[in-house]
Amino acid sequence: MHEMSVATNILDLAEKSMEGYRELRSVTVQIGELAGIETESLRFSFEALRKSTPYPDVQLVIEEVRGRGVCESCGREVHMDEPFALCPECGTYSVRITRGQELKLLSIEVD
């Protein structure tokens, strides 16, 4: 379950970014549909980890990004819910991912 290590890294990055503030209120992350992260497992892992930090009330906010790709054969932009997609226009498997692999720490809210 690599979501536990992802949750650990998110908390570590947030803590390093606090710049002298005392309280970490929330952490907002952006996760792509094709990033290979199970968001519910990440929420569970974050919930378990936050209780052992100096910020047991910190909240995790997840912004999900839909997978998108462009067919290199016909140029059509398509939704992708898996890394290898069949182009609905021309039927080839030459769809290149353009969006949806993100895993970014967007912001932290501190006091």
PDB file of N, CA and C in Angstrom:
ATOM      1  N   MET A   1       0.851  -1.171   0.000  1.00  0.00           N
ATOM      2  CA  MET A   1       0.000   0.000   0.000  1.00  0.00           C
ATOM      3  C   MET A   1       0.900   1.237   0.000  1.00  0.00           C
ATOM      4  N   HIS A   2       1.260   1.706  -1.171  1.00  0.00           N
ATOM      5  CA  HIS A   2       2.159   2.849  -1.262  1.00  0.00           C
ATOM      6  C   HIS A   2       1.483   4.161  -0.882  1.00  0.00           C
ATOM      7  N   GLU A   3       0.167   4.166  -0.705  1.00  0.00           N
ATOM      8  CA  GLU A   3      -0.528   5.375  -0.280  1.00  0.00           C
ATOM      9  C   GLU A   3      -0.061   5.830   1.098  1.00  0.00           C
ATOM     10  N   MET A   4       0.385   4.900   1.942  1.00  0.00           N
ATOM     11  CA  MET A   4       0.908   5.264   3.261  1.00  0.00           C
ATOM     12  C   MET A   4       2.188   6.090   3.110  1.00  0.00           C
ATOM     13  N   SER A   5       3.073   5.688   2.211  1.00  0.00           N
ATOM     14  CA  SER A   5       4.298   6.467   2.008  1.00  0.00           C
ATOM     15  C   SER A   5       3.986   7.810   1.338  1.00  0.00           C
ATOM     16  N   VAL A   6       2.986   7.846   0.470  1.00  0.00           N
ATOM     17  CA  VAL A   6       2.569   9.114  -0.139  1.00  0.00           C
ATOM     18  C   VAL A   6       2.022  10.048   0.933  1.00  0.00           C
ATOM     19  N   ALA A   7       1.189   9.531   1.824  1.00  0.00           N
ATOM     20  CA  ALA A   7       0.640  10.342   2.915  1.00  0.00           C
ATOM     21  C   ALA A   7       1.760  10.859   3.817  1.00  0.00           C
ATOM     22  N   THR A   8       2.739  10.022   4.105  1.00  0.00           N
ATOM     23  CA  THR A   8       3.886  10.432   4.915  1.00  0.00           C
ATOM     24  C   THR A   8       4.637  11.568   4.239  1.00  0.00           C
ATOM     25  N   ASN A   9       4.870  11.434   2.948  1.00  0.00           N
ATOM     26  CA  ASN A   9       5.585  12.479   2.205  1.00  0.00           C
ATOM     27  C   ASN A   9       4.792  13.781   2.153  1.00  0.00           C
ATOM     28  N   ILE A  10       3.490  13.691   1.997  1.00  0.00           N
ATOM     29  CA  ILE A  10       2.643  14.894   1.979  1.00  0.00           C
ATOM     30  C   ILE A  10       2.758  15.628   3.314  1.00  0.00           C
ATOM     31  N   LEU A  11       2.649  14.905   4.408  1.00  0.00           N
ATOM     32  CA  LEU A  11       2.762  15.526   5.727  1.00  0.00           C
ATOM     33  C   LEU A  11       4.147  16.108   5.960  1.00  0.00           C
ATOM     34  N   ASP A  12       5.182  15.407   5.526  1.00  0.00           N
ATOM     35  CA  ASP A  12       6.553  15.916   5.670  1.00  0.00           C
ATOM     36  C   ASP A  12       6.751  17.211   4.889  1.00  0.00           C
ATOM     37  N   LEU A  13       6.283  17.225   3.641  1.00  0.00           N
ATOM     38  CA  LEU A  13       6.407  18.438   2.818  1.00  0.00           C
ATOM     39  C   LEU A  13       5.638  19.611   3.410  1.00  0.00           C
ATOM     40  N   ALA A  14       4.449  19.326   3.898  1.00  0.00           N
ATOM     41  CA  ALA A  14       3.633  20.385   4.506  1.00  0.00           C
ATOM     42  C   ALA A  14       4.329  20.948   5.736  1.00  0.00           C
ATOM     43  N   GLU A  15       4.869  20.069   6.559  1.00  0.00           N
ATOM     44  CA  GLU A  15       5.541  20.522   7.775  1.00  0.00           C
ATOM     45  C   GLU A  15       6.771  21.369   7.442  1.00  0.00           C
ATOM     46  N   LYS A  16       7.527  20.975   6.426  1.00  0.00           N
ATOM     47  CA  LYS A  16       8.711  21.744   6.016  1.00  0.00           C
ATOM     48  C   LYS A  16       8.341  23.103   5.428  1.00  0.00           C
ATOM     49  N   SER A  17       7.117  23.244   4.960  1.00  0.00           N
ATOM     50  CA  SER A  17       6.668  24.486   4.321  1.00  0.00           C
ATOM     51  C   SER A  17       5.991  25.456   5.283  1.00  0.00           C
ATOM     52  N   MET A  18       5.934  25.135   6.535  1.00  0.00           N
ATOM     53  CA  MET A  18       5.170  25.953   7.480  1.00  0.00           C
ATOM     54  C   MET A  18       5.827  27.287   7.826  1.00  0.00           C
ATOM     55  N   GLU A  19       7.112  27.437   7.614  1.00  0.00           N
ATOM     56  CA  GLU A  19       7.823  28.703   7.799  1.00  0.00           C
ATOM     57  C   GLU A  19       7.501  29.405   9.113  1.00  0.00           C
ATOM     58  N   GLY A  20       7.625  28.694  10.209  1.00  0.00           N
ATOM     59  CA  GLY A  20       7.460  29.306  11.511  1.00  0.00           C
ATOM     60  C   GLY A  20       6.042  29.356  12.065  1.00  0.00           C
ATOM     61  N   TYR A  21       5.062  28.938  11.315  1.00  0.00           N
ATOM     62  CA  TYR A  21       3.691  28.898  11.830  1.00  0.00           C
ATOM     63  C   TYR A  21       3.552  27.730  12.800  1.00  0.00           C
ATOM     64  N   ARG A  22       2.612  27.843  13.715  1.00  0.00           N
ATOM     65  CA  ARG A  22       2.454  26.819  14.753  1.00  0.00           C
ATOM     66  C   ARG A  22       1.454  25.735  14.387  1.00  0.00           C
ATOM     67  N   GLU A  23       0.410  26.104  13.684  1.00  0.00           N
ATOM     68  CA  GLU A  23      -0.698  25.165  13.454  1.00  0.00           C
ATOM     69  C   GLU A  23      -0.885  24.881  11.967  1.00  0.00           C
ATOM     70  N   LEU A  24      -0.941  23.625  11.628  1.00  0.00           N
ATOM     71  CA  LEU A  24      -1.227  23.187  10.264  1.00  0.00           C
ATOM     72  C   LEU A  24      -2.698  22.800  10.205  1.00  0.00           C
ATOM     73  N   ARG A  25      -3.489  23.552   9.463  1.00  0.00           N
ATOM     74  CA  ARG A  25      -4.942  23.336   9.406  1.00  0.00           C
ATOM     75  C   ARG A  25      -5.350  22.350   8.308  1.00  0.00           C
ATOM     76  N   SER A  26      -4.810  22.569   7.096  1.00  0.00           N
ATOM     77  CA  SER A  26      -5.191  21.684   5.986  1.00  0.00           C
ATOM     78  C   SER A  26      -4.076  21.606   4.957  1.00  0.00           C
ATOM     79  N   VAL A  27      -4.134  20.534   4.212  1.00  0.00           N
ATOM     80  CA  VAL A  27      -3.205  20.288   3.114  1.00  0.00           C
ATOM     81  C   VAL A  27      -4.058  19.967   1.890  1.00  0.00           C
ATOM     82  N   THR A  28      -3.824  20.697   0.804  1.00  0.00           N
ATOM     83  CA  THR A  28      -4.559  20.452  -0.434  1.00  0.00           C
ATOM     84  C   THR A  28      -3.617  19.845  -1.460  1.00  0.00           C
ATOM     85  N   VAL A  29      -4.021  18.703  -2.003  1.00  0.00           N
ATOM     86  CA  VAL A  29      -3.224  18.023  -3.017  1.00  0.00           C
ATOM     87  C   VAL A  29      -4.060  17.823  -4.280  1.00  0.00           C
ATOM     88  N   GLN A  30      -3.366  17.719  -5.385  1.00  0.00           N
ATOM     89  CA  GLN A  30      -4.007  17.455  -6.673  1.00  0.00           C
ATOM     90  C   GLN A  30      -3.535  16.076  -7.114  1.00  0.00           C
ATOM     91  N   ILE A  31      -4.502  15.205  -7.416  1.00  0.00           N
ATOM     92  CA  ILE A  31      -4.174  13.835  -7.806  1.00  0.00           C
ATOM     93  C   ILE A  31      -4.884  13.497  -9.105  1.00  0.00           C
ATOM     94  N   GLY A  32      -4.115  13.067 -10.072  1.00  0.00           N
ATOM     95  CA  GLY A  32      -4.670  12.690 -11.356  1.00  0.00           C
ATOM     96  C   GLY A  32      -5.271  11.297 -11.341  1.00  0.00           C
ATOM     97  N   GLU A  33      -6.274  11.128 -12.159  1.00  0.00           N
ATOM     98  CA  GLU A  33      -6.971   9.851 -12.281  1.00  0.00           C
ATOM     99  C   GLU A  33      -6.026   8.726 -12.719  1.00  0.00           C
ATOM    100  N   LEU A  34      -4.933   9.085 -13.388  1.00  0.00           N
ATOM    101  CA  LEU A  34      -3.986   8.102 -13.903  1.00  0.00           C
ATOM    102  C   LEU A  34      -2.696   8.039 -13.079  1.00  0.00           C
ATOM    103  N   ALA A  35      -2.698   8.637 -11.894  1.00  0.00           N
ATOM    104  CA  ALA A  35      -1.491   8.704 -11.068  1.00  0.00           C
ATOM    105  C   ALA A  35      -1.199   7.407 -10.321  1.00  0.00           C
ATOM    106  N   GLY A  36      -2.140   6.487 -10.310  1.00  0.00           N
ATOM    107  CA  GLY A  36      -1.924   5.227  -9.610  1.00  0.00           C
ATOM    108  C   GLY A  36      -2.098   5.340  -8.111  1.00  0.00           C
ATOM    109  N   ILE A  37      -2.863   6.342  -7.674  1.00  0.00           N
ATOM    110  CA  ILE A  37      -3.128   6.557  -6.252  1.00  0.00           C
ATOM    111  C   ILE A  37      -4.608   6.291  -5.995  1.00  0.00           C
ATOM    112  N   GLU A  38      -4.888   5.420  -5.064  1.00  0.00           N
ATOM    113  CA  GLU A  38      -6.263   5.179  -4.632  1.00  0.00           C
ATOM    114  C   GLU A  38      -6.604   6.250  -3.601  1.00  0.00           C
ATOM    115  N   THR A  39      -7.483   7.174  -3.953  1.00  0.00           N
ATOM    116  CA  THR A  39      -7.740   8.312  -3.070  1.00  0.00           C
ATOM    117  C   THR A  39      -8.319   7.889  -1.720  1.00  0.00           C
ATOM    118  N   GLU A  40      -9.159   6.888  -1.697  1.00  0.00           N
ATOM    119  CA  GLU A  40      -9.715   6.445  -0.414  1.00  0.00           C
ATOM    120  C   GLU A  40      -8.636   5.829   0.477  1.00  0.00           C
ATOM    121  N   SER A  41      -7.707   5.097  -0.114  1.00  0.00           N
ATOM    122  CA  SER A  41      -6.583   4.548   0.655  1.00  0.00           C
ATOM    123  C   SER A  41      -5.680   5.668   1.162  1.00  0.00           C
ATOM    124  N   LEU A  42      -5.496   6.697   0.336  1.00  0.00           N
ATOM    125  CA  LEU A  42      -4.702   7.839   0.760  1.00  0.00           C
ATOM    126  C   LEU A  42      -5.382   8.562   1.923  1.00  0.00           C
ATOM    127  N   ARG A  43      -6.690   8.762   1.828  1.00  0.00           N
ATOM    128  CA  ARG A  43      -7.430   9.404   2.931  1.00  0.00           C
ATOM    129  C   ARG A  43      -7.292   8.591   4.226  1.00  0.00           C
ATOM    130  N   PHE A  44      -7.444   7.280   4.114  1.00  0.00           N
ATOM    131  CA  PHE A  44      -7.325   6.402   5.276  1.00  0.00           C
ATOM    132  C   PHE A  44      -5.924   6.503   5.883  1.00  0.00           C
ATOM    133  N   SER A  45      -4.902   6.455   5.034  1.00  0.00           N
ATOM    134  CA  SER A  45      -3.511   6.533   5.499  1.00  0.00           C
ATOM    135  C   SER A  45      -3.228   7.880   6.150  1.00  0.00           C
ATOM    136  N   PHE A  46      -3.693   8.951   5.536  1.00  0.00           N
ATOM    137  CA  PHE A  46      -3.492  10.294   6.071  1.00  0.00           C
ATOM    138  C   PHE A  46      -4.158  10.416   7.436  1.00  0.00           C
ATOM    139  N   GLU A  47      -5.363   9.908   7.529  1.00  0.00           N
ATOM    140  CA  GLU A  47      -6.121   9.946   8.791  1.00  0.00           C
ATOM    141  C   GLU A  47      -5.356   9.223   9.899  1.00  0.00           C
ATOM    142  N   ALA A  48      -4.803   8.069   9.582  1.00  0.00           N
ATOM    143  CA  ALA A  48      -4.055   7.302  10.577  1.00  0.00           C
ATOM    144  C   ALA A  48      -2.768   8.016  10.976  1.00  0.00           C
ATOM    145  N   LEU A  49      -2.082   8.605  10.022  1.00  0.00           N
ATOM    146  CA  LEU A  49      -0.805   9.262  10.296  1.00  0.00           C
ATOM    147  C   LEU A  49      -0.943  10.580  11.039  1.00  0.00           C
ATOM    148  N   ARG A  50      -1.959  11.353  10.708  1.00  0.00           N
ATOM    149  CA  ARG A  50      -2.069  12.701  11.282  1.00  0.00           C
ATOM    150  C   ARG A  50      -2.188  12.664  12.799  1.00  0.00           C
ATOM    151  N   LYS A  51      -2.733  11.595  13.334  1.00  0.00           N
ATOM    152  CA  LYS A  51      -2.913  11.481  14.784  1.00  0.00           C
ATOM    153  C   LYS A  51      -1.587  11.366  15.523  1.00  0.00           C
ATOM    154  N   SER A  52      -0.542  10.947  14.818  1.00  0.00           N
ATOM    155  CA  SER A  52       0.776  10.807  15.448  1.00  0.00           C
ATOM    156  C   SER A  52       1.685  12.004  15.155  1.00  0.00           C
ATOM    157  N   THR A  53       1.122  13.075  14.600  1.00  0.00           N
ATOM    158  CA  THR A  53       1.894  14.284  14.295  1.00  0.00           C
ATOM    159  C   THR A  53       1.564  15.373  15.313  1.00  0.00           C
ATOM    160  N   PRO A  54       2.316  16.455  15.291  1.00  0.00           N
ATOM    161  CA  PRO A  54       1.959  17.596  16.147  1.00  0.00           C
ATOM    162  C   PRO A  54       0.679  18.304  15.685  1.00  0.00           C
ATOM    163  N   TYR A  55       0.096  17.843  14.580  1.00  0.00           N
ATOM    164  CA  TYR A  55      -1.090  18.474  13.987  1.00  0.00           C
ATOM    165  C   TYR A  55      -2.201  17.433  13.804  1.00  0.00           C
ATOM    166  N   PRO A  56      -2.740  16.910  14.879  1.00  0.00           N
ATOM    167  CA  PRO A  56      -3.702  15.809  14.762  1.00  0.00           C
ATOM    168  C   PRO A  56      -5.035  16.198  14.116  1.00  0.00           C
ATOM    169  N   ASP A  57      -5.286  17.492  13.966  1.00  0.00           N
ATOM    170  CA  ASP A  57      -6.548  17.933  13.368  1.00  0.00           C
ATOM    171  C   ASP A  57      -6.404  18.364  11.908  1.00  0.00           C
ATOM    172  N   VAL A  58      -5.213  18.215  11.336  1.00  0.00           N
ATOM    173  CA  VAL A  58      -5.000  18.645   9.949  1.00  0.00           C
ATOM    174  C   VAL A  58      -5.934  17.881   9.008  1.00  0.00           C
ATOM    175  N   GLN A  59      -6.498  18.599   8.056  1.00  0.00           N
ATOM    176  CA  GLN A  59      -7.427  18.007   7.090  1.00  0.00           C
ATOM    177  C   GLN A  59      -6.730  17.831   5.739  1.00  0.00           C
ATOM    178  N   LEU A  60      -7.078  16.772   5.049  1.00  0.00           N
ATOM    179  CA  LEU A  60      -6.583  16.521   3.698  1.00  0.00           C
ATOM    180  C   LEU A  60      -7.678  16.868   2.707  1.00  0.00           C
ATOM    181  N   VAL A  61      -7.353  17.761   1.774  1.00  0.00           N
ATOM    182  CA  VAL A  61      -8.283  18.138   0.706  1.00  0.00           C
ATOM    183  C   VAL A  61      -7.680  17.618  -0.594  1.00  0.00           C
ATOM    184  N   ILE A  62      -8.477  16.844  -1.329  1.00  0.00           N
ATOM    185  CA  ILE A  62      -7.994  16.256  -2.580  1.00  0.00           C
ATOM    186  C   ILE A  62      -8.766  16.846  -3.746  1.00  0.00           C
ATOM    187  N   GLU A  63      -8.017  17.406  -4.702  1.00  0.00           N
ATOM    188  CA  GLU A  63      -8.595  17.842  -5.977  1.00  0.00           C
ATOM    189  C   GLU A  63      -8.252  16.770  -7.000  1.00  0.00           C
ATOM    190  N   GLU A  64      -9.267  16.149  -7.559  1.00  0.00           N
ATOM    191  CA  GLU A  64      -9.034  15.090  -8.535  1.00  0.00           C
ATOM    192  C   GLU A  64      -8.998  15.669  -9.950  1.00  0.00           C
ATOM    193  N   VAL A  65      -8.069  15.169 -10.755  1.00  0.00           N
ATOM    194  CA  VAL A  65      -7.900  15.613 -12.132  1.00  0.00           C
ATOM    195  C   VAL A  65      -8.229  14.446 -13.054  1.00  0.00           C
ATOM    196  N   ARG A  66      -9.158  14.671 -13.959  1.00  0.00           N
ATOM    197  CA  ARG A  66      -9.536  13.610 -14.904  1.00  0.00           C
ATOM    198  C   ARG A  66      -8.400  13.332 -15.880  1.00  0.00           C
ATOM    199  N   GLY A  67      -8.305  12.082 -16.279  1.00  0.00           N
ATOM    200  CA  GLY A  67      -7.309  11.693 -17.262  1.00  0.00           C
ATOM    201  C   GLY A  67      -7.703  12.162 -18.654  1.00  0.00           C
ATOM    202  N   ARG A  68      -6.752  12.734 -19.367  1.00  0.00           N
ATOM    203  CA  ARG A  68      -6.978  13.200 -20.740  1.00  0.00           C
ATOM    204  C   ARG A  68      -5.802  12.755 -21.595  1.00  0.00           C
ATOM    205  N   GLY A  69      -6.083  12.595 -22.860  1.00  0.00           N
ATOM    206  CA  GLY A  69      -5.026  12.242 -23.796  1.00  0.00           C
ATOM    207  C   GLY A  69      -5.368  12.744 -25.177  1.00  0.00           C
ATOM    208  N   VAL A  70      -4.370  12.693 -26.046  1.00  0.00           N
ATOM    209  CA  VAL A  70      -4.584  13.081 -27.437  1.00  0.00           C
ATOM    210  C   VAL A  70      -4.079  11.943 -28.320  1.00  0.00           C
ATOM    211  N   CYS A  71      -4.875  11.597 -29.312  1.00  0.00           N
ATOM    212  CA  CYS A  71      -4.502  10.537 -30.246  1.00  0.00           C
ATOM    213  C   CYS A  71      -3.454  11.082 -31.205  1.00  0.00           C
ATOM    214  N   GLU A  72      -2.337  10.413 -31.268  1.00  0.00           N
ATOM    215  CA  GLU A  72      -1.265  10.866 -32.153  1.00  0.00           C
ATOM    216  C   GLU A  72      -1.533  10.500 -33.610  1.00  0.00           C
ATOM    217  N   SER A  73      -2.554   9.678 -33.854  1.00  0.00           N
ATOM    218  CA  SER A  73      -2.906   9.334 -35.235  1.00  0.00           C
ATOM    219  C   SER A  73      -3.890  10.330 -35.836  1.00  0.00           C
ATOM    220  N   CYS A  74      -4.952  10.663 -35.087  1.00  0.00           N
ATOM    221  CA  CYS A  74      -5.990  11.529 -35.657  1.00  0.00           C
ATOM    222  C   CYS A  74      -6.118  12.883 -34.959  1.00  0.00           C
ATOM    223  N   GLY A  75      -5.444  13.051 -33.813  1.00  0.00           N
ATOM    224  CA  GLY A  75      -5.469  14.325 -33.111  1.00  0.00           C
ATOM    225  C   GLY A  75      -6.633  14.537 -32.163  1.00  0.00           C
ATOM    226  N   ARG A  76      -7.500  13.565 -32.018  1.00  0.00           N
ATOM    227  CA  ARG A  76      -8.668  13.730 -31.136  1.00  0.00           C
ATOM    228  C   ARG A  76      -8.244  13.709 -29.666  1.00  0.00           C
ATOM    229  N   GLU A  77      -8.831  14.609 -28.880  1.00  0.00           N
ATOM    230  CA  GLU A  77      -8.611  14.621 -27.442  1.00  0.00           C
ATOM    231  C   GLU A  77      -9.665  13.732 -26.796  1.00  0.00           C
ATOM    232  N   VAL A  78      -9.219  12.851 -25.887  1.00  0.00           N
ATOM    233  CA  VAL A  78     -10.130  11.871 -25.304  1.00  0.00           C
ATOM    234  C   VAL A  78      -9.950  11.782 -23.793  1.00  0.00           C
ATOM    235  N   HIS A  79     -11.007  11.328 -23.109  1.00  0.00           N
ATOM    236  CA  HIS A  79     -10.924  11.011 -21.677  1.00  0.00           C
ATOM    237  C   HIS A  79     -10.212   9.677 -21.536  1.00  0.00           C
ATOM    238  N   MET A  80      -9.368   9.582 -20.519  1.00  0.00           N
ATOM    239  CA  MET A  80      -8.654   8.330 -20.248  1.00  0.00           C
ATOM    240  C   MET A  80      -8.866   7.955 -18.792  1.00  0.00           C
ATOM    241  N   ASP A  81      -9.332   6.742 -18.548  1.00  0.00           N
ATOM    242  CA  ASP A  81      -9.445   6.282 -17.176  1.00  0.00           C
ATOM    243  C   ASP A  81      -8.468   5.146 -16.895  1.00  0.00           C
ATOM    244  N   GLU A  82      -7.623   4.864 -17.875  1.00  0.00           N
ATOM    245  CA  GLU A  82      -6.527   3.919 -17.722  1.00  0.00           C
ATOM    246  C   GLU A  82      -5.385   4.370 -18.623  1.00  0.00           C
ATOM    247  N   PRO A  83      -4.149   3.960 -18.337  1.00  0.00           N
ATOM    248  CA  PRO A  83      -3.002   4.485 -19.079  1.00  0.00           C
ATOM    249  C   PRO A  83      -2.969   4.155 -20.576  1.00  0.00           C
ATOM    250  N   PHE A  84      -3.597   3.091 -20.985  1.00  0.00           N
ATOM    251  CA  PHE A  84      -3.617   2.728 -22.397  1.00  0.00           C
ATOM    252  C   PHE A  84      -5.051   2.770 -22.883  1.00  0.00           C
ATOM    253  N   ALA A  85      -5.334   3.709 -23.770  1.00  0.00           N
ATOM    254  CA  ALA A  85      -6.709   3.901 -24.221  1.00  0.00           C
ATOM    255  C   ALA A  85      -6.806   3.744 -25.736  1.00  0.00           C
ATOM    256  N   LEU A  86      -7.922   3.215 -26.135  1.00  0.00           N
ATOM    257  CA  LEU A  86      -8.255   3.086 -27.545  1.00  0.00           C
ATOM    258  C   LEU A  86      -8.926   4.374 -27.987  1.00  0.00           C
ATOM    259  N   CYS A  87      -8.463   4.955 -29.077  1.00  0.00           N
ATOM    260  CA  CYS A  87      -9.077   6.176 -29.589  1.00  0.00           C
ATOM    261  C   CYS A  87     -10.463   5.836 -30.149  1.00  0.00           C
ATOM    262  N   PRO A  88     -11.505   6.519 -29.650  1.00  0.00           N
ATOM    263  CA  PRO A  88     -12.851   6.224 -30.147  1.00  0.00           C
ATOM    264  C   PRO A  88     -13.079   6.725 -31.580  1.00  0.00           C
ATOM    265  N   GLU A  89     -12.207   7.584 -32.059  1.00  0.00           N
ATOM    266  CA  GLU A  89     -12.346   8.135 -33.416  1.00  0.00           C
ATOM    267  C   GLU A  89     -11.740   7.215 -34.472  1.00  0.00           C
ATOM    268  N   CYS A  90     -10.467   6.821 -34.274  1.00  0.00           N
ATOM    269  CA  CYS A  90      -9.788   6.049 -35.321  1.00  0.00           C
ATOM    270  C   CYS A  90      -9.457   4.615 -34.917  1.00  0.00           C
ATOM    271  N   GLY A  91      -9.665   4.267 -33.622  1.00  0.00           N
ATOM    272  CA  GLY A  91      -9.471   2.891 -33.185  1.00  0.00           C
ATOM    273  C   GLY A  91      -8.043   2.476 -32.896  1.00  0.00           C
ATOM    274  N   THR A  92      -7.100   3.403 -32.887  1.00  0.00           N
ATOM    275  CA  THR A  92      -5.713   3.041 -32.592  1.00  0.00           C
ATOM    276  C   THR A  92      -5.432   3.166 -31.095  1.00  0.00           C
ATOM    277  N   TYR A  93      -4.320   2.573 -30.688  1.00  0.00           N
ATOM    278  CA  TYR A  93      -3.871   2.689 -29.296  1.00  0.00           C
ATOM    279  C   TYR A  93      -2.748   3.728 -29.179  1.00  0.00           C
ATOM    280  N   SER A  94      -2.751   4.713 -30.037  1.00  0.00           N
ATOM    281  CA  SER A  94      -1.684   5.720 -30.012  1.00  0.00           C
ATOM    282  C   SER A  94      -2.097   6.979 -29.255  1.00  0.00           C
ATOM    283  N   VAL A  95      -2.844   6.796 -28.174  1.00  0.00           N
ATOM    284  CA  VAL A  95      -3.276   7.926 -27.358  1.00  0.00           C
ATOM    285  C   VAL A  95      -2.191   8.232 -26.327  1.00  0.00           C
ATOM    286  N   ARG A  96      -1.715   9.470 -26.344  1.00  0.00           N
ATOM    287  CA  ARG A  96      -0.678   9.936 -25.427  1.00  0.00           C
ATOM    288  C   ARG A  96      -1.331  10.704 -24.284  1.00  0.00           C
ATOM    289  N   ILE A  97      -0.966  10.371 -23.071  1.00  0.00           N
ATOM    290  CA  ILE A  97      -1.523  11.044 -21.889  1.00  0.00           C
ATOM    291  C   ILE A  97      -1.058  12.493 -21.861  1.00  0.00           C
ATOM    292  N   THR A  98      -2.011  13.404 -21.670  1.00  0.00           N
ATOM    293  CA  THR A  98      -1.680  14.822 -21.547  1.00  0.00           C
ATOM    294  C   THR A  98      -2.026  15.380 -20.166  1.00  0.00           C
ATOM    295  N   ARG A  99      -2.878  14.685 -19.453  1.00  0.00           N
ATOM    296  CA  ARG A  99      -3.315  15.155 -18.140  1.00  0.00           C
ATOM    297  C   ARG A  99      -3.826  13.963 -17.330  1.00  0.00           C
ATOM    298  N   GLY A 100      -3.625  14.021 -16.016  1.00  0.00           N
ATOM    299  CA  GLY A 100      -4.168  12.975 -15.167  1.00  0.00           C
ATOM    300  C   GLY A 100      -3.134  12.179 -14.407  1.00  0.00           C
ATOM    301  N   GLN A 101      -1.847  12.480 -14.593  1.00  0.00           N
ATOM    302  CA  GLN A 101      -0.806  11.782 -13.851  1.00  0.00           C
ATOM    303  C   GLN A 101      -0.268  12.626 -12.695  1.00  0.00           C
ATOM    304  N   GLU A 102      -0.929  13.741 -12.412  1.00  0.00           N
ATOM    305  CA  GLU A 102      -0.463  14.680 -11.405  1.00  0.00           C
ATOM    306  C   GLU A 102      -0.509  14.103  -9.998  1.00  0.00           C
ATOM    307  N   LEU A 103       0.456  14.486  -9.218  1.00  0.00           N
ATOM    308  CA  LEU A 103       0.457  14.294  -7.777  1.00  0.00           C
ATOM    309  C   LEU A 103       1.206  15.503  -7.231  1.00  0.00           C
ATOM    310  N   LYS A 104       0.454  16.530  -6.836  1.00  0.00           N
ATOM    311  CA  LYS A 104       1.047  17.809  -6.439  1.00  0.00           C
ATOM    312  C   LYS A 104       0.518  18.263  -5.091  1.00  0.00           C
ATOM    313  N   LEU A 105       1.412  18.811  -4.297  1.00  0.00           N
ATOM    314  CA  LEU A 105       1.013  19.513  -3.092  1.00  0.00           C
ATOM    315  C   LEU A 105       0.693  20.935  -3.537  1.00  0.00           C
ATOM    316  N   LEU A 106      -0.580  21.302  -3.527  1.00  0.00           N
ATOM    317  CA  LEU A 106      -1.000  22.613  -4.024  1.00  0.00           C
ATOM    318  C   LEU A 106      -0.869  23.708  -2.979  1.00  0.00           C
ATOM    319  N   SER A 107      -1.329  23.425  -1.762  1.00  0.00           N
ATOM    320  CA  SER A 107      -1.298  24.478  -0.740  1.00  0.00           C
ATOM    321  C   SER A 107      -1.415  23.879   0.651  1.00  0.00           C
ATOM    322  N   ILE A 108      -1.019  24.696   1.614  1.00  0.00           N
ATOM    323  CA  ILE A 108      -1.258  24.364   3.004  1.00  0.00           C
ATOM    324  C   ILE A 108      -1.931  25.563   3.652  1.00  0.00           C
ATOM    325  N   GLU A 109      -2.766  25.296   4.636  1.00  0.00           N
ATOM    326  CA  GLU A 109      -3.408  26.360   5.409  1.00  0.00           C
ATOM    327  C   GLU A 109      -2.823  26.276   6.818  1.00  0.00           C
ATOM    328  N   VAL A 110      -2.285  27.402   7.288  1.00  0.00           N
ATOM    329  CA  VAL A 110      -1.608  27.442   8.579  1.00  0.00           C
ATOM    330  C   VAL A 110      -2.136  28.592   9.434  1.00  0.00           C
ATOM    331  N   ASP A 111      -1.880  28.507  10.711  1.00  0.00           N
ATOM    332  CA  ASP A 111      -2.142  29.598  11.662  1.00  0.00           C
ATOM    333  C   ASP A 111      -0.876  29.898  12.426  1.00  0.00           C
TER     334      ASP A 111
END
